[in-house]
C-alpha cells in the first residue's frame, strides 16, 4: 500500500499543513507536535516525494538538458560530463531529445518550464537562421539561467561553451596537404548551423593558404545523418574526377561513408585517404585506424554545467561567459597519400 501525507496527518492527528511544515522544515511547529509527526513518519517508513517537496518550496533541484540527437555518442559524452558536475552539486537532470527538430525543441523547452527546472543546458538545433520569435521568447521567458553547449544561438545573450570547429578542420586539411593531397573532398553538415559553416571555412582556408584551388565539385552538403554520408560518398566517388582524400564532418556521416566504401569494395587509405570530425570508438575495436578531429565532448559537458551552477548560485551577479575549446587532431594513418590509387583514376 502506498503511504501518503494524508496517512501521516491522520496517524499524528494533525493537519496536512503541519505535516508539510515538518517535512520541509519550514514554519513553526510545537516540539510535541513535531515529535508526533516524526514518529508517524518513522512508523510508516514514509519517504516524501522529492518533486512534491520541491514544488512546496516553489524550487526544484533539477536542471533540464536538450540535445539534438541522444543516440550520437558525441552528445552522450556531453551528457556524461554534465551529469558528473550535476551530481557533485546535488542536482538532478531531465533529458530531452529534440531529434534535430526545432518544433520538438520548442515543445521540450515548454515542458521543462512546467517542471520548474532551476536551469537549462541546450544544444540548439537551428542556430544561424533568423529563428522565429516564439523560440527565443520561450527561452528568455524561462526566467532561469540558460547555457548553450556546442551550438550558437543567433541574437541570444546566453553563456555558452563551444568548439573551435574552424581550427580543428583547418589542422586536419593541412595534415592531408602535407601528405601530398591536393584533391580533397568534404562532406559538410547542415549549413544552417555555425559549426558546419566553420568547418567548411576551415577546409577552404587550408586550401587557400596552401595555394590549392577550391574545387566546388568536391564540396558536398550533408545533414549529419548516416544516410547523407552514405549517399554523398557514393555520389562523389562515381564522378570521373575523384578526390584522393575525403574529410567527413561528423561521426554519423563517416559511418555512412564507410558503408559506401565497403559496398564499392574500397578501403582507406589504399583507395582513398579518409578523415573524420569526431571520433568513432567502435572502429578501434575493429582495427580500423581512422584519423580524426576529436572534439572535447566530455569537457563541453563539464564546463557547460559549471557555468550553469555558477549562474544558479549567483543569479544576480552572474556574467555572460563564452568559452571556446580547441579540438585535437588524432593522426592514425588513414590520412597517408598512396599514389597508386588505381581504382579511383
Protein backbone atom coordinates (compact mmCIF):
# COMPACT_ATOMS: atom_id res chain seq x y z
CA UNK A 1 0.00 0.00 0.00
CA UNK A 2 1.26 3.46 -0.88
CA UNK A 3 1.58 5.77 2.12
CA UNK A 4 0.64 9.42 1.59
CA UNK A 5 0.94 12.63 3.55
CA UNK A 6 -2.76 12.20 4.41
CA UNK A 7 -1.97 8.95 6.23
CA UNK A 8 0.76 10.67 8.23
CA UNK A 9 -1.61 13.53 9.18
CA UNK A 10 -4.30 11.10 10.37
CA UNK A 11 -1.84 8.98 12.36
CA UNK A 12 -0.37 12.02 14.12
CA UNK A 13 -3.78 13.71 14.43
CA UNK A 14 -2.58 16.94 12.83
CA UNK A 15 -3.40 18.94 9.72
CA UNK A 16 -1.80 18.41 6.30
CA UNK A 17 -0.17 21.83 6.64
CA UNK A 18 1.54 20.77 9.86
CA UNK A 19 2.95 17.61 8.24
CA UNK A 20 4.18 19.72 5.32
CA UNK A 21 5.95 22.14 7.67
CA UNK A 22 7.72 19.26 9.39
CA UNK A 23 8.74 17.61 6.13
CA UNK A 24 10.09 20.86 4.67
CA UNK A 25 11.41 22.23 7.96
CA UNK A 26 9.51 25.45 7.35
CA UNK A 27 7.25 27.40 9.71
CA UNK A 28 6.67 26.96 13.44
CA UNK A 29 5.61 23.60 14.86
CA UNK A 30 5.44 22.80 18.59
CA UNK A 31 8.11 20.36 19.73
CA UNK A 32 5.50 17.90 20.99
CA UNK A 33 3.59 18.05 17.70
CA UNK A 34 6.77 17.74 15.63
CA UNK A 35 7.77 14.65 17.60
CA UNK A 36 4.36 13.07 16.99
CA UNK A 37 4.63 13.69 13.23
CA UNK A 38 8.20 12.37 13.08
CA UNK A 39 7.18 9.22 14.94
CA UNK A 40 4.32 8.65 12.48
CA UNK A 41 6.73 9.12 9.58
CA UNK A 42 9.14 6.59 11.07
CA UNK A 43 6.36 4.15 11.85
CA UNK A 44 5.12 4.18 8.27
CA UNK A 45 8.68 4.33 6.89
CA UNK A 46 7.44 7.22 4.76
CA UNK A 47 9.69 8.82 2.15
CA UNK A 48 8.30 12.10 0.81
CA UNK A 49 8.28 12.72 -2.91
CA UNK A 50 11.23 14.87 -3.92
CA UNK A 51 9.08 16.54 -6.54
CA UNK A 52 6.31 17.31 -4.07
CA UNK A 53 8.78 18.78 -1.59
CA UNK A 54 10.34 20.88 -4.35
CA UNK A 55 7.02 22.22 -5.51
CA UNK A 56 6.01 23.14 -1.96
CA UNK A 57 9.14 25.30 -1.80
CA UNK A 58 8.50 26.57 -5.33
CA UNK A 59 12.01 25.46 -6.31
CA UNK A 60 13.49 22.20 -7.56
CA UNK A 61 16.93 20.66 -7.60
CA UNK A 62 16.51 19.74 -11.26
CA UNK A 63 18.10 21.13 -14.40
CA UNK A 64 16.95 20.47 -17.96
CA UNK A 65 19.07 19.27 -20.87
CA UNK A 66 18.06 19.42 -24.53
CA UNK A 67 20.26 17.82 -27.20
CA UNK A 68 19.56 17.25 -30.91
CA UNK A 69 20.41 13.53 -31.02
CA UNK A 70 20.72 11.41 -27.90
CA UNK A 71 21.86 8.40 -29.96
CA UNK A 72 25.02 10.20 -31.09
CA UNK A 73 27.98 9.24 -28.84
CA UNK A 74 29.26 12.82 -29.09
CA UNK A 75 26.21 14.11 -27.21
CA UNK A 76 26.32 11.07 -24.95
CA UNK A 77 29.73 12.20 -23.68
CA UNK A 78 28.47 15.76 -23.25
CA UNK A 79 25.61 14.43 -21.11
CA UNK A 80 28.10 12.35 -19.11
CA UNK A 81 30.16 15.47 -18.37
CA UNK A 82 27.03 17.38 -17.35
CA UNK A 83 25.93 14.53 -15.08
CA UNK A 84 29.28 14.41 -13.27
CA UNK A 85 29.11 18.06 -12.28
CA UNK A 86 25.36 17.94 -11.57
CA UNK A 87 25.82 15.02 -9.16
CA UNK A 88 28.66 16.81 -7.38
CA UNK A 89 26.28 19.74 -6.82
CA UNK A 90 23.31 17.58 -5.72
CA UNK A 91 21.34 18.43 -8.87
CA UNK A 92 19.15 16.08 -10.88
CA UNK A 93 18.68 16.21 -14.65
CA UNK A 94 15.77 15.84 -17.03
CA UNK A 95 16.96 14.94 -20.53
CA UNK A 96 15.08 15.79 -23.73
CA UNK A 97 15.94 14.75 -27.30
CA UNK A 98 14.82 17.23 -29.97
CA UNK A 99 15.68 14.84 -32.82
CA UNK A 100 17.07 17.84 -34.73
CA UNK A 101 13.56 19.27 -34.98
CA UNK A 102 13.06 22.84 -33.84
CA UNK A 103 9.36 22.32 -33.09
CA UNK A 104 10.23 19.39 -30.80
CA UNK A 105 12.92 21.53 -29.23
CA UNK A 106 10.40 24.27 -28.52
CA UNK A 107 7.98 21.72 -27.03
CA UNK A 108 10.80 20.36 -24.82
CA UNK A 109 11.57 23.86 -23.53
CA UNK A 110 7.93 24.43 -22.61
CA UNK A 111 7.67 21.01 -20.93
CA UNK A 112 10.79 21.66 -18.88
CA UNK A 113 9.43 25.02 -17.81
CA UNK A 114 6.39 23.25 -16.36
CA UNK A 115 8.78 21.10 -14.30
CA UNK A 116 10.14 24.27 -12.64
CA UNK A 117 13.74 23.47 -13.52
CA UNK A 118 16.44 25.66 -11.98
CA UNK A 119 18.47 25.95 -15.15
CA UNK A 120 18.73 24.75 -18.75
CA UNK A 121 21.59 23.42 -20.88
CA UNK A 122 20.72 23.28 -24.56
CA UNK A 123 22.45 22.42 -27.80
CA UNK A 124 20.26 24.28 -30.30
CA UNK A 125 19.17 22.57 -33.49
CA UNK A 126 18.78 25.54 -35.81
CA UNK A 127 21.14 28.31 -34.89
CA UNK A 128 22.12 30.50 -37.82
CA UNK A 129 18.80 31.22 -39.48
CA UNK A 130 16.57 34.00 -38.21
CA UNK A 131 14.89 31.82 -35.60
CA UNK A 132 11.23 32.63 -35.05
CA UNK A 133 10.46 34.94 -32.17
CA UNK A 134 8.45 32.26 -30.33
CA UNK A 135 11.62 30.19 -29.90
CA UNK A 136 13.74 32.97 -28.38
CA UNK A 137 10.77 34.17 -26.34
CA UNK A 138 10.35 30.67 -24.86
CA UNK A 139 13.99 30.64 -23.73
CA UNK A 140 14.01 34.20 -22.41
CA UNK A 141 10.72 33.69 -20.55
CA UNK A 142 12.08 30.75 -18.59
CA UNK A 143 13.43 33.23 -16.08
CA UNK A 144 16.28 30.86 -15.22
CA UNK A 145 19.94 30.56 -16.28
CA UNK A 146 20.44 29.11 -19.76
CA UNK A 147 23.75 27.77 -21.08
CA UNK A 148 24.46 26.83 -24.70
CA UNK A 149 26.67 23.83 -25.43
CA UNK A 150 28.16 23.18 -28.88
CA UNK A 151 25.56 25.30 -30.61
CA UNK A 152 25.44 29.05 -31.07
CA UNK A 153 22.13 30.86 -30.97
CA UNK A 154 21.84 33.99 -33.07
CA UNK A 155 20.66 37.13 -31.24
CA UNK A 156 20.90 35.46 -27.82
CA UNK A 157 22.73 36.72 -24.74
CA UNK A 158 23.30 33.35 -23.05
CA UNK A 159 26.56 31.96 -21.75
CA UNK A 160 27.99 29.01 -23.64
CA UNK A 161 30.85 26.63 -24.32
CA UNK A 162 31.79 25.81 -27.90
CA UNK A 163 34.32 24.00 -30.10
CA UNK A 164 36.77 25.80 -32.39
CA UNK A 165 35.49 24.00 -35.47
CA UNK A 166 37.38 26.19 -37.92
CA UNK A 167 40.79 25.47 -36.40
CA UNK A 168 40.04 21.78 -35.97
CA UNK A 169 39.14 21.36 -39.63
CA UNK A 170 41.99 23.60 -40.82
CA UNK A 171 44.51 21.40 -39.00
CA UNK A 172 43.01 18.23 -40.48
CA UNK A 173 43.07 19.52 -44.07
CA UNK A 174 46.60 20.87 -43.65
CA UNK A 175 47.70 17.42 -42.46
CA UNK A 176 46.26 15.93 -45.65
CA UNK A 177 48.02 18.56 -47.75
CA UNK A 178 51.35 17.81 -46.04
CA UNK A 179 50.85 14.18 -47.06
CA UNK A 180 50.73 15.32 -50.69
CA UNK A 181 46.98 15.58 -51.27
CA UNK A 182 45.66 18.37 -53.48
CA UNK A 183 42.31 16.88 -54.50
CA UNK A 184 40.45 16.82 -51.19
CA UNK A 185 36.72 16.34 -50.85
CA UNK A 186 34.50 17.32 -47.93
CA UNK A 187 31.05 16.27 -46.75
CA UNK A 188 29.65 19.11 -44.65
CA UNK A 189 26.95 19.20 -42.01
CA UNK A 190 23.73 21.22 -42.15
CA UNK A 191 24.68 24.67 -43.36
CA UNK A 192 22.16 26.45 -41.14
CA UNK A 193 24.47 25.74 -38.21
CA UNK A 194 27.59 27.66 -37.22
CA UNK A 195 29.68 24.51 -36.57
CA UNK A 196 29.05 23.31 -40.14
CA UNK A 197 29.85 26.73 -41.59
CA UNK A 198 33.04 26.98 -39.57
CA UNK A 199 34.19 23.52 -40.64
CA UNK A 200 33.69 24.44 -44.27
CA UNK A 201 35.58 27.71 -43.71
CA UNK A 202 38.43 25.75 -42.13
CA UNK A 203 38.56 23.49 -45.19
CA UNK A 204 38.57 26.40 -47.61
CA UNK A 205 41.12 28.37 -45.60
CA UNK A 206 43.57 25.46 -45.51
CA UNK A 207 43.36 25.05 -49.27
CA UNK A 208 43.78 28.77 -49.95
CA UNK A 209 46.70 29.13 -47.52
CA UNK A 210 48.45 26.34 -49.44
CA UNK A 211 47.65 27.82 -52.87
CA UNK A 212 45.30 24.98 -53.80
CA UNK A 213 42.30 25.92 -55.89
CA UNK A 214 38.93 25.11 -54.33
CA UNK A 215 37.03 22.62 -56.46
CA UNK A 216 33.31 23.08 -55.80
CA UNK A 217 32.63 19.59 -57.15
CA UNK A 218 34.48 18.23 -54.13
CA UNK A 219 32.18 20.04 -51.67
CA UNK A 220 29.07 18.03 -50.85
CA UNK A 221 26.45 19.20 -48.35
CA UNK A 222 25.23 16.67 -45.82
CA UNK A 223 22.90 16.84 -42.83
CA UNK A 224 24.89 14.96 -40.14
CA UNK A 225 22.98 11.71 -40.77
CA UNK A 226 24.38 8.28 -41.67
CA UNK A 227 22.22 8.31 -44.80
CA UNK A 228 23.68 11.55 -46.14
CA UNK A 229 27.24 10.31 -45.56
CA UNK A 230 26.42 7.12 -47.43
CA UNK A 231 24.67 8.74 -50.39
CA UNK A 232 27.14 11.60 -50.82
CA UNK A 233 30.17 9.32 -50.67
CA UNK A 234 28.74 7.22 -53.47
CA UNK A 235 27.88 10.35 -55.42
CA UNK A 236 31.38 11.77 -55.02
CA UNK A 237 33.27 8.58 -55.90
CA UNK A 238 31.20 7.94 -59.01
CA UNK A 239 32.46 11.19 -60.52
CA UNK A 240 35.03 10.96 -63.31
CA UNK A 241 37.25 13.38 -61.44
CA UNK A 242 37.64 11.97 -57.91
CA UNK A 243 39.47 13.26 -54.84
CA UNK A 244 42.39 11.36 -53.33
CA UNK A 245 41.24 12.25 -49.81
CA UNK A 246 37.91 12.87 -48.12
CA UNK A 247 37.11 14.77 -44.93
CA UNK A 248 33.72 13.95 -43.37
CA UNK A 249 32.31 16.49 -40.92
CA UNK A 250 30.81 14.27 -38.22
CA UNK A 251 30.85 10.72 -36.88
CA UNK A 252 27.46 9.58 -38.18
CA UNK A 253 28.18 10.71 -41.76
CA UNK A 254 31.55 8.95 -41.50
CA UNK A 255 29.74 5.70 -40.66
CA UNK A 256 27.65 6.20 -43.80
CA UNK A 257 30.80 6.88 -45.77
CA UNK A 258 32.40 3.64 -44.53
CA UNK A 259 29.31 1.69 -45.55
CA UNK A 260 29.51 3.18 -49.04
CA UNK A 261 33.22 2.37 -49.34
CA UNK A 262 32.56 -1.21 -48.28
CA UNK A 263 29.84 -1.64 -50.90
CA UNK A 264 32.18 -0.22 -53.54
CA UNK A 265 34.93 -2.64 -52.48
CA UNK A 266 37.13 0.26 -51.46
CA UNK A 267 39.18 0.81 -48.33
CA UNK A 268 41.15 3.57 -46.67
CA UNK A 269 43.86 4.65 -47.15
CA UNK A 270 44.57 2.24 -50.05
CA UNK A 271 41.84 3.56 -52.33
CA UNK A 272 41.10 6.90 -50.71
CA UNK A 273 42.51 8.70 -47.68
CA UNK A 274 39.87 9.43 -45.06
CA UNK A 275 39.49 11.69 -42.03
CA UNK A 276 36.57 12.46 -39.77
CA UNK A 277 35.46 15.23 -37.46
CA UNK A 278 34.52 13.36 -34.24
CA UNK A 279 35.91 10.06 -33.05
CA UNK A 280 34.21 6.71 -33.57
CA UNK A 281 35.29 4.47 -30.70
CA UNK A 282 33.93 1.25 -32.18
CA UNK A 283 36.42 1.47 -35.07
CA UNK A 284 39.28 0.90 -32.62
CA UNK A 285 37.80 -2.50 -31.70
CA UNK A 286 37.55 -3.36 -35.39
CA UNK A 287 41.19 -2.46 -36.01
CA UNK A 288 40.25 0.43 -38.31
CA UNK A 289 42.69 3.25 -37.59
CA UNK A 290 40.78 6.33 -38.69
CA UNK A 291 42.40 9.73 -38.30
CA UNK A 292 40.02 12.27 -36.82
CA UNK A 293 39.49 15.60 -35.15
CA UNK A 294 38.49 14.88 -31.56
CA UNK A 295 36.16 17.40 -30.01
CA UNK A 296 36.42 17.71 -26.21
CA UNK A 297 32.87 16.46 -25.67
CA UNK A 298 33.29 15.46 -22.02
CA UNK A 299 34.78 18.85 -21.20
CA UNK A 300 31.97 20.60 -23.06
CA UNK A 301 29.52 18.99 -20.65
CA UNK A 302 31.58 19.64 -17.54
CA UNK A 303 32.29 23.27 -18.34
CA UNK A 304 28.74 23.93 -19.52
CA UNK A 305 27.34 22.53 -16.28
CA UNK A 306 29.90 24.53 -14.32
CA UNK A 307 28.72 27.73 -15.98
CA UNK A 308 25.13 26.83 -15.14
CA UNK A 309 25.91 26.07 -11.49
CA UNK A 310 27.71 29.43 -11.16
CA UNK A 311 24.68 31.22 -12.60
CA UNK A 312 22.25 29.34 -10.36
CA UNK A 313 24.28 30.11 -7.23
CA UNK A 314 24.71 33.78 -8.03
CA UNK A 315 21.98 34.65 -10.50
CA UNK A 316 22.01 38.39 -9.82
CA UNK A 317 25.75 38.87 -10.37
CA UNK A 318 26.49 36.22 -12.97
CA UNK A 319 28.19 37.41 -16.14
CA UNK A 320 27.75 36.15 -19.69
CA UNK A 321 30.69 33.88 -20.49
CA UNK A 322 31.59 32.31 -23.82
CA UNK A 323 34.29 29.67 -23.75
CA UNK A 324 35.80 28.09 -26.87
CA UNK A 325 37.70 24.79 -26.67
CA UNK A 326 40.24 23.66 -29.26
CA UNK A 327 39.81 20.10 -30.56
CA UNK A 328 42.77 17.75 -31.03
CA UNK A 329 43.96 16.18 -34.28
CA UNK A 330 44.49 12.42 -33.94
CA UNK A 331 46.53 11.05 -36.84
CA UNK A 332 46.34 7.25 -37.11
CA UNK A 333 47.50 6.64 -40.68
CA UNK A 334 44.31 6.95 -42.71
CA UNK A 335 45.50 10.34 -43.97
CA UNK A 336 48.55 8.98 -45.84
CA UNK A 337 48.77 9.55 -49.56
CA UNK A 338 49.19 6.37 -51.58
CA UNK A 339 49.98 7.48 -55.13
CA UNK A 340 48.76 4.30 -56.80
CA UNK A 341 45.04 4.86 -56.25
CA UNK A 342 44.27 2.99 -59.45
CA UNK A 343 40.63 2.28 -58.59
CA UNK A 344 39.89 5.99 -58.43
CA UNK A 345 41.69 7.01 -61.61
